[in-house]
Amino acid sequence: MKVFSFSSRRQFTTKAFSKLATPAPRNPAALTPLRAMSTTTRREDPFKPAARVAGQKQDVWTIVNEAAAASPVQPIVNMGQGFFGYNPPKFVLDAAKTALDTVECNQYSPTKGRPRLKKAIADAYSPFFGRTLDPDKEVTITTGANEGMLSAFMGFLEQGDEVIVFEPFFDQYISNIEMPGGKVVYVPMHPPKDGATKTTSAAEWTLDIAEFEAAITPKTRMIVLNSPHNPIGKVFSKSELQAIADICVKHNIIILSDEVYDRLYYVPFTRVATLSPEVAKLTLTVGSGGKNFYATGWRVGWLIGPEHLIKYVSAAHTRICYSRTQLLGRLQARDESQNG
């Protein structure tokens, strides 16, 4: 008997064909056994949370809000959470109502923010920075300043990286740092010696620069700087900012400058990014439309910084929530251009 291959017209004998049809013996050591059904005990707690959220405690704002609501004395002034007891300006509310009828305002916005809003932010802040900001490369819009800071930490922190925070501090910094695996290193600001018995100025709180530099290790990746400060109200002087910035430049540490209260001050206010080109290269400046226009529930924030920092904040922001509200972004673009 002969067998023919139509593809090559080669002839095979019956004996040769039988060799092809019979699989060669395999090396037992090379075989991958089929995965057997697990005989282990099933997971006892399928609802166990991840460690990054398991240890989360009730935040101070919730505690204060609940205490205020439960107070037998009403009405009561809540000095805790920073939301306003009155509406944004009428022209802002009117613009919101009008924007609802605009198709694109009800759809996704570009992940880095509407071009119009980015340009408005760049135009409003360029005079403060003493140069023309590039809205496409140096500005990114986030879902509130808090999400913007989380995006910054997500963009630059690896497991075990350290972030220096001056205490007291806004409590959200801590969870935002720890979520991506960062470690918080606390450096205290020192209150006035007679602050417990006399009325003192927030400016009298001081930072020991030597103590700050001593906290830096090879793992230090970032610092958080907050001016005007929450909760103290301190506006860091130019000389204080310069001392902090010089150390960051010396050690190549990124400065996350939380300036959401940049319209609420009564003494000279300096933006750390404006101190020098070397400092600017390391600085991400955080801003808030919610604070500027007393619309904290709208969740409009932004970060300003050099392209080599902003692009990674934007990358993280894209993965966290993709984009922010198109409608409110359009409104605040108008507001920033009018109030810059």
Foldseek 3Di string as FASTA:
>chain_A
DWDADPVVRDIDDPVRVVVVVDDDDDDVVPDDDDDDDDPDDDDPCPPDDDPLCPPDDDDPLVVQVVCCVPDPDPPDDRPGDPADPDAFDPVLVVLLVVLVPPVVLQDFAALQAHLLLLQLVQVLCCVQLVHRADSVQFKGKFQALLLLLLLLLLLWDAAAAEEEEEPPADVSVCSSNPVRRYDYDYFYFAAPPCVVPDPDALQRTGGDLVSVLVSDDLRHAAYEAEACGPPSRHADDPVRLVSVLVSCLVNVHAYEYEDQVVVDDDDDHHDSLNPDVSSLQRYKYKYGPCNVRSPNVQRIIMIGGGNVSVVSSSVSSCVPPNHGRSSSSVSVSVVSNVVD
